[in-house]
Amino acid sequence: MSAEEEPISFEEFGPRAEPEVVDPFSNVKRAASIVGDLRAALRTEGFDKDESFELVQMYWASELGAFG
């Protein structure tokens, strides 16, 4: 380093602003959680495996906009 060049101090840069982390699958995870809860509730209410699957499938399709 020559005498004319001064080292850059850390204070000139300061703390870096980290970009916000966005989970692109957060809505899918939330919907899957709701669907799991719905299926468990249907099974508790006495619906069999096939009936609960059909009802959950209809709910999932409506959430994704298949009926609109």
PDB file of N, CA and C in Angstrom:
ATOM      1  N   MET A   1       0.853  -1.158   0.000  1.00  0.00           N
ATOM      2  CA  MET A   1       0.000   0.000   0.000  1.00  0.00           C
ATOM      3  C   MET A   1       0.905   1.230   0.000  1.00  0.00           C
ATOM      4  N   SER A   2       0.596   2.167  -0.858  1.00  0.00           N
ATOM      5  CA  SER A   2       1.424   3.366  -0.902  1.00  0.00           C
ATOM      6  C   SER A   2       0.990   4.329   0.201  1.00  0.00           C
ATOM      7  N   ALA A   3       1.791   5.331   0.426  1.00  0.00           N
ATOM      8  CA  ALA A   3       1.500   6.307   1.483  1.00  0.00           C
ATOM      9  C   ALA A   3       0.263   7.133   1.153  1.00  0.00           C
ATOM     10  N   GLU A   4      -0.084   7.253  -0.133  1.00  0.00           N
ATOM     11  CA  GLU A   4      -1.227   8.054  -0.530  1.00  0.00           C
ATOM     12  C   GLU A   4      -2.549   7.327  -0.264  1.00  0.00           C
ATOM     13  N   GLU A   5      -2.539   6.013  -0.306  1.00  0.00           N
ATOM     14  CA  GLU A   5      -3.760   5.238  -0.100  1.00  0.00           C
ATOM     15  C   GLU A   5      -3.969   4.984   1.388  1.00  0.00           C
ATOM     16  N   GLU A   6      -5.163   5.320   1.842  1.00  0.00           N
ATOM     17  CA  GLU A   6      -5.495   5.043   3.230  1.00  0.00           C
ATOM     18  C   GLU A   6      -6.380   3.808   3.278  1.00  0.00           C
ATOM     19  N   PRO A   7      -6.194   2.988   4.272  1.00  0.00           N
ATOM     20  CA  PRO A   7      -7.069   1.815   4.373  1.00  0.00           C
ATOM     21  C   PRO A   7      -8.519   2.250   4.629  1.00  0.00           C
ATOM     22  N   ILE A   8      -9.442   1.474   4.094  1.00  0.00           N
ATOM     23  CA  ILE A   8     -10.859   1.765   4.279  1.00  0.00           C
ATOM     24  C   ILE A   8     -11.272   1.245   5.649  1.00  0.00           C
ATOM     25  N   SER A   9     -11.904   2.113   6.408  1.00  0.00           N
ATOM     26  CA  SER A   9     -12.311   1.700   7.748  1.00  0.00           C
ATOM     27  C   SER A   9     -13.661   1.001   7.695  1.00  0.00           C
ATOM     28  N   PHE A  10     -13.892   0.158   8.666  1.00  0.00           N
ATOM     29  CA  PHE A  10     -15.159  -0.572   8.761  1.00  0.00           C
ATOM     30  C   PHE A  10     -16.321   0.389   8.962  1.00  0.00           C
ATOM     31  N   GLU A  11     -16.101   1.481   9.668  1.00  0.00           N
ATOM     32  CA  GLU A  11     -17.157   2.428   9.973  1.00  0.00           C
ATOM     33  C   GLU A  11     -17.726   3.077   8.712  1.00  0.00           C
ATOM     34  N   GLU A  12     -16.926   3.163   7.643  1.00  0.00           N
ATOM     35  CA  GLU A  12     -17.423   3.750   6.405  1.00  0.00           C
ATOM     36  C   GLU A  12     -18.538   2.912   5.805  1.00  0.00           C
ATOM     37  N   PHE A  13     -18.434   1.623   5.980  1.00  0.00           N
ATOM     38  CA  PHE A  13     -19.444   0.737   5.412  1.00  0.00           C
ATOM     39  C   PHE A  13     -20.650   0.576   6.321  1.00  0.00           C
ATOM     40  N   GLY A  14     -20.412   0.491   7.588  1.00  0.00           N
ATOM     41  CA  GLY A  14     -21.499   0.309   8.548  1.00  0.00           C
ATOM     42  C   GLY A  14     -22.107  -1.080   8.425  1.00  0.00           C
ATOM     43  N   PRO A  15     -23.116  -1.343   9.235  1.00  0.00           N
ATOM     44  CA  PRO A  15     -23.755  -2.663   9.166  1.00  0.00           C
ATOM     45  C   PRO A  15     -24.531  -2.807   7.856  1.00  0.00           C
ATOM     46  N   ARG A  16     -24.500  -3.997   7.336  1.00  0.00           N
ATOM     47  CA  ARG A  16     -25.216  -4.269   6.084  1.00  0.00           C
ATOM     48  C   ARG A  16     -26.656  -4.635   6.384  1.00  0.00           C
ATOM     49  N   ALA A  17     -27.530  -4.122   5.550  1.00  0.00           N
ATOM     50  CA  ALA A  17     -28.940  -4.480   5.672  1.00  0.00           C
ATOM     51  C   ALA A  17     -29.142  -5.805   4.937  1.00  0.00           C
ATOM     52  N   GLU A  18     -29.503  -6.812   5.675  1.00  0.00           N
ATOM     53  CA  GLU A  18     -29.730  -8.129   5.078  1.00  0.00           C
ATOM     54  C   GLU A  18     -31.094  -8.136   4.391  1.00  0.00           C
ATOM     55  N   PRO A  19     -31.168  -8.735   3.213  1.00  0.00           N
ATOM     56  CA  PRO A  19     -32.481  -8.813   2.547  1.00  0.00           C
ATOM     57  C   PRO A  19     -33.429  -9.719   3.328  1.00  0.00           C
ATOM     58  N   GLU A  20     -34.699  -9.366   3.288  1.00  0.00           N
ATOM     59  CA  GLU A  20     -35.695 -10.150   3.998  1.00  0.00           C
ATOM     60  C   GLU A  20     -35.837 -11.511   3.327  1.00  0.00           C
ATOM     61  N   VAL A  21     -35.848 -12.549   4.133  1.00  0.00           N
ATOM     62  CA  VAL A  21     -35.997 -13.893   3.606  1.00  0.00           C
ATOM     63  C   VAL A  21     -37.488 -14.166   3.409  1.00  0.00           C
ATOM     64  N   VAL A  22     -37.845 -14.521   2.190  1.00  0.00           N
ATOM     65  CA  VAL A  22     -39.233 -14.806   1.864  1.00  0.00           C
ATOM     66  C   VAL A  22     -39.341 -16.281   1.504  1.00  0.00           C
ATOM     67  N   ASP A  23     -40.229 -16.965   2.178  1.00  0.00           N
ATOM     68  CA  ASP A  23     -40.456 -18.379   1.900  1.00  0.00           C
ATOM     69  C   ASP A  23     -41.552 -18.482   0.845  1.00  0.00           C
ATOM     70  N   PRO A  24     -41.191 -18.884  -0.383  1.00  0.00           N
ATOM     71  CA  PRO A  24     -42.197 -18.929  -1.444  1.00  0.00           C
ATOM     72  C   PRO A  24     -43.257 -20.010  -1.226  1.00  0.00           C
ATOM     73  N   PHE A  25     -42.999 -20.923  -0.305  1.00  0.00           N
ATOM     74  CA  PHE A  25     -43.934 -22.007  -0.059  1.00  0.00           C
ATOM     75  C   PHE A  25     -44.752 -21.813   1.217  1.00  0.00           C
ATOM     76  N   SER A  26     -44.698 -20.637   1.812  1.00  0.00           N
ATOM     77  CA  SER A  26     -45.391 -20.427   3.088  1.00  0.00           C
ATOM     78  C   SER A  26     -46.902 -20.601   2.951  1.00  0.00           C
ATOM     79  N   ASN A  27     -47.486 -20.140   1.847  1.00  0.00           N
ATOM     80  CA  ASN A  27     -48.932 -20.305   1.664  1.00  0.00           C
ATOM     81  C   ASN A  27     -49.301 -21.767   1.472  1.00  0.00           C
ATOM     82  N   VAL A  28     -48.462 -22.495   0.762  1.00  0.00           N
ATOM     83  CA  VAL A  28     -48.721 -23.921   0.547  1.00  0.00           C
ATOM     84  C   VAL A  28     -48.606 -24.680   1.869  1.00  0.00           C
ATOM     85  N   LYS A  29     -47.609 -24.335   2.670  1.00  0.00           N
ATOM     86  CA  LYS A  29     -47.443 -24.980   3.975  1.00  0.00           C
ATOM     87  C   LYS A  29     -48.649 -24.712   4.865  1.00  0.00           C
ATOM     88  N   ARG A  30     -49.133 -23.479   4.830  1.00  0.00           N
ATOM     89  CA  ARG A  30     -50.306 -23.110   5.640  1.00  0.00           C
ATOM     90  C   ARG A  30     -51.527 -23.887   5.174  1.00  0.00           C
ATOM     91  N   ALA A  31     -51.734 -23.950   3.872  1.00  0.00           N
ATOM     92  CA  ALA A  31     -52.883 -24.680   3.337  1.00  0.00           C
ATOM     93  C   ALA A  31     -52.773 -26.170   3.649  1.00  0.00           C
ATOM     94  N   ALA A  32     -51.589 -26.727   3.552  1.00  0.00           N
ATOM     95  CA  ALA A  32     -51.399 -28.146   3.865  1.00  0.00           C
ATOM     96  C   ALA A  32     -51.689 -28.421   5.331  1.00  0.00           C
ATOM     97  N   SER A  33     -51.323 -27.493   6.193  1.00  0.00           N
ATOM     98  CA  SER A  33     -51.618 -27.639   7.611  1.00  0.00           C
ATOM     99  C   SER A  33     -53.124 -27.627   7.856  1.00  0.00           C
ATOM    100  N   ILE A  34     -53.813 -26.707   7.179  1.00  0.00           N
ATOM    101  CA  ILE A  34     -55.268 -26.629   7.318  1.00  0.00           C
ATOM    102  C   ILE A  34     -55.914 -27.910   6.807  1.00  0.00           C
ATOM    103  N   VAL A  35     -55.433 -28.393   5.680  1.00  0.00           N
ATOM    104  CA  VAL A  35     -55.982 -29.625   5.098  1.00  0.00           C
ATOM    105  C   VAL A  35     -55.761 -30.807   6.035  1.00  0.00           C
ATOM    106  N   GLY A  36     -54.591 -30.880   6.640  1.00  0.00           N
ATOM    107  CA  GLY A  36     -54.312 -31.952   7.589  1.00  0.00           C
ATOM    108  C   GLY A  36     -55.236 -31.894   8.789  1.00  0.00           C
ATOM    109  N   ASP A  37     -55.460 -30.682   9.289  1.00  0.00           N
ATOM    110  CA  ASP A  37     -56.382 -30.502  10.416  1.00  0.00           C
ATOM    111  C   ASP A  37     -57.810 -30.872  10.027  1.00  0.00           C
ATOM    112  N   LEU A  38     -58.201 -30.481   8.809  1.00  0.00           N
ATOM    113  CA  LEU A  38     -59.539 -30.806   8.319  1.00  0.00           C
ATOM    114  C   LEU A  38     -59.722 -32.318   8.214  1.00  0.00           C
ATOM    115  N   ARG A  39     -58.737 -32.978   7.648  1.00  0.00           N
ATOM    116  CA  ARG A  39     -58.825 -34.431   7.506  1.00  0.00           C
ATOM    117  C   ARG A  39     -58.918 -35.119   8.865  1.00  0.00           C
ATOM    118  N   ALA A  40     -58.124 -34.672   9.809  1.00  0.00           N
ATOM    119  CA  ALA A  40     -58.162 -35.258  11.152  1.00  0.00           C
ATOM    120  C   ALA A  40     -59.523 -35.034  11.803  1.00  0.00           C
ATOM    121  N   ALA A  41     -60.090 -33.847  11.621  1.00  0.00           N
ATOM    122  CA  ALA A  41     -61.406 -33.555  12.196  1.00  0.00           C
ATOM    123  C   ALA A  41     -62.490 -34.404  11.550  1.00  0.00           C
ATOM    124  N   LEU A  42     -62.403 -34.587  10.236  1.00  0.00           N
ATOM    125  CA  LEU A  42     -63.382 -35.432   9.545  1.00  0.00           C
ATOM    126  C   LEU A  42     -63.309 -36.874  10.034  1.00  0.00           C
ATOM    127  N   ARG A  43     -62.105 -37.378  10.230  1.00  0.00           N
ATOM    128  CA  ARG A  43     -61.930 -38.747  10.722  1.00  0.00           C
ATOM    129  C   ARG A  43     -62.487 -38.884  12.140  1.00  0.00           C
ATOM    130  N   THR A  44     -62.295 -37.843  12.948  1.00  0.00           N
ATOM    131  CA  THR A  44     -62.816 -37.844  14.311  1.00  0.00           C
ATOM    132  C   THR A  44     -64.339 -37.854  14.308  1.00  0.00           C
ATOM    133  N   GLU A  45     -64.927 -37.180  13.331  1.00  0.00           N
ATOM    134  CA  GLU A  45     -66.386 -37.107  13.220  1.00  0.00           C
ATOM    135  C   GLU A  45     -67.003 -38.386  12.642  1.00  0.00           C
ATOM    136  N   GLY A  46     -66.178 -39.324  12.241  1.00  0.00           N
ATOM    137  CA  GLY A  46     -66.708 -40.604  11.784  1.00  0.00           C
ATOM    138  C   GLY A  46     -66.640 -40.856  10.290  1.00  0.00           C
ATOM    139  N   PHE A  47     -66.090 -39.929   9.527  1.00  0.00           N
ATOM    140  CA  PHE A  47     -65.928 -40.167   8.103  1.00  0.00           C
ATOM    141  C   PHE A  47     -64.815 -41.193   7.890  1.00  0.00           C
ATOM    142  N   ASP A  48     -65.019 -42.085   6.919  1.00  0.00           N
ATOM    143  CA  ASP A  48     -63.957 -43.068   6.663  1.00  0.00           C
ATOM    144  C   ASP A  48     -62.855 -42.432   5.809  1.00  0.00           C
ATOM    145  N   LYS A  49     -61.830 -43.217   5.536  1.00  0.00           N
ATOM    146  CA  LYS A  49     -60.655 -42.711   4.833  1.00  0.00           C
ATOM    147  C   LYS A  49     -61.009 -42.155   3.453  1.00  0.00           C
ATOM    148  N   ASP A  50     -61.834 -42.883   2.700  1.00  0.00           N
ATOM    149  CA  ASP A  50     -62.195 -42.452   1.348  1.00  0.00           C
ATOM    150  C   ASP A  50     -63.075 -41.201   1.359  1.00  0.00           C
ATOM    151  N   GLU A  51     -64.037 -41.154   2.267  1.00  0.00           N
ATOM    152  CA  GLU A  51     -64.909 -39.983   2.355  1.00  0.00           C
ATOM    153  C   GLU A  51     -64.123 -38.733   2.731  1.00  0.00           C
ATOM    154  N   SER A  52     -63.253 -38.871   3.712  1.00  0.00           N
ATOM    155  CA  SER A  52     -62.468 -37.711   4.130  1.00  0.00           C
ATOM    156  C   SER A  52     -61.528 -37.274   3.014  1.00  0.00           C
ATOM    157  N   PHE A  53     -60.988 -38.228   2.256  1.00  0.00           N
ATOM    158  CA  PHE A  53     -60.115 -37.876   1.140  1.00  0.00           C
ATOM    159  C   PHE A  53     -60.882 -37.067   0.094  1.00  0.00           C
ATOM    160  N   GLU A  54     -62.095 -37.509  -0.244  1.00  0.00           N
ATOM    161  CA  GLU A  54     -62.911 -36.803  -1.240  1.00  0.00           C
ATOM    162  C   GLU A  54     -63.248 -35.388  -0.775  1.00  0.00           C
ATOM    163  N   LEU A  55     -63.622 -35.237   0.480  1.00  0.00           N
ATOM    164  CA  LEU A  55     -63.963 -33.913   1.005  1.00  0.00           C
ATOM    165  C   LEU A  55     -62.742 -32.985   1.046  1.00  0.00           C
ATOM    166  N   VAL A  56     -61.628 -33.530   1.460  1.00  0.00           N
ATOM    167  CA  VAL A  56     -60.400 -32.734   1.503  1.00  0.00           C
ATOM    168  C   VAL A  56     -59.972 -32.362   0.085  1.00  0.00           C
ATOM    169  N   GLN A  57     -60.130 -33.281  -0.845  1.00  0.00           N
ATOM    170  CA  GLN A  57     -59.776 -33.005  -2.233  1.00  0.00           C
ATOM    171  C   GLN A  57     -60.635 -31.860  -2.795  1.00  0.00           C
ATOM    172  N   MET A  58     -61.915 -31.860  -2.471  1.00  0.00           N
ATOM    173  CA  MET A  58     -62.795 -30.773  -2.922  1.00  0.00           C
ATOM    174  C   MET A  58     -62.393 -29.445  -2.277  1.00  0.00           C
ATOM    175  N   TYR A  59     -62.051 -29.475  -0.990  1.00  0.00           N
ATOM    176  CA  TYR A  59     -61.606 -28.257  -0.317  1.00  0.00           C
ATOM    177  C   TYR A  59     -60.340 -27.718  -0.970  1.00  0.00           C
ATOM    178  N   TRP A  60     -59.394 -28.598  -1.218  1.00  0.00           N
ATOM    179  CA  TRP A  60     -58.108 -28.206  -1.795  1.00  0.00           C
ATOM    180  C   TRP A  60     -58.328 -27.590  -3.183  1.00  0.00           C
ATOM    181  N   ALA A  61     -59.202 -28.206  -3.995  1.00  0.00           N
ATOM    182  CA  ALA A  61     -59.485 -27.681  -5.328  1.00  0.00           C
ATOM    183  C   ALA A  61     -60.134 -26.301  -5.237  1.00  0.00           C
ATOM    184  N   SER A  62     -61.021 -26.107  -4.270  1.00  0.00           N
ATOM    185  CA  SER A  62     -61.664 -24.801  -4.135  1.00  0.00           C
ATOM    186  C   SER A  62     -60.674 -23.738  -3.686  1.00  0.00           C
ATOM    187  N   GLU A  63     -59.710 -24.110  -2.839  1.00  0.00           N
ATOM    188  CA  GLU A  63     -58.685 -23.169  -2.392  1.00  0.00           C
ATOM    189  C   GLU A  63     -57.771 -22.762  -3.543  1.00  0.00           C
ATOM    190  N   LEU A  64     -57.537 -23.681  -4.456  1.00  0.00           N
ATOM    191  CA  LEU A  64     -56.667 -23.381  -5.592  1.00  0.00           C
ATOM    192  C   LEU A  64     -57.420 -22.696  -6.730  1.00  0.00           C
ATOM    193  N   GLY A  65     -58.714 -22.513  -6.558  1.00  0.00           N
ATOM    194  CA  GLY A  65     -59.490 -21.798  -7.550  1.00  0.00           C
ATOM    195  C   GLY A  65     -59.988 -22.633  -8.696  1.00  0.00           C
ATOM    196  N   ALA A  66     -60.081 -23.939  -8.520  1.00  0.00           N
ATOM    197  CA  ALA A  66     -60.530 -24.817  -9.591  1.00  0.00           C
ATOM    198  C   ALA A  66     -62.009 -24.640  -9.891  1.00  0.00           C
ATOM    199  N   PHE A  67     -62.770 -24.094  -8.941  1.00  0.00           N
ATOM    200  CA  PHE A  67     -64.210 -23.942  -9.136  1.00  0.00           C
ATOM    201  C   PHE A  67     -64.604 -22.489  -9.354  1.00  0.00           C
ATOM    202  N   GLY A  68     -63.693 -21.651  -9.737  1.00  0.00           N
ATOM    203  CA  GLY A  68     -64.054 -20.250  -9.826  1.00  0.00           C
ATOM    204  C   GLY A  68     -63.621 -19.641 -11.063  1.00  0.00           C
TER     205      GLY A  68
END
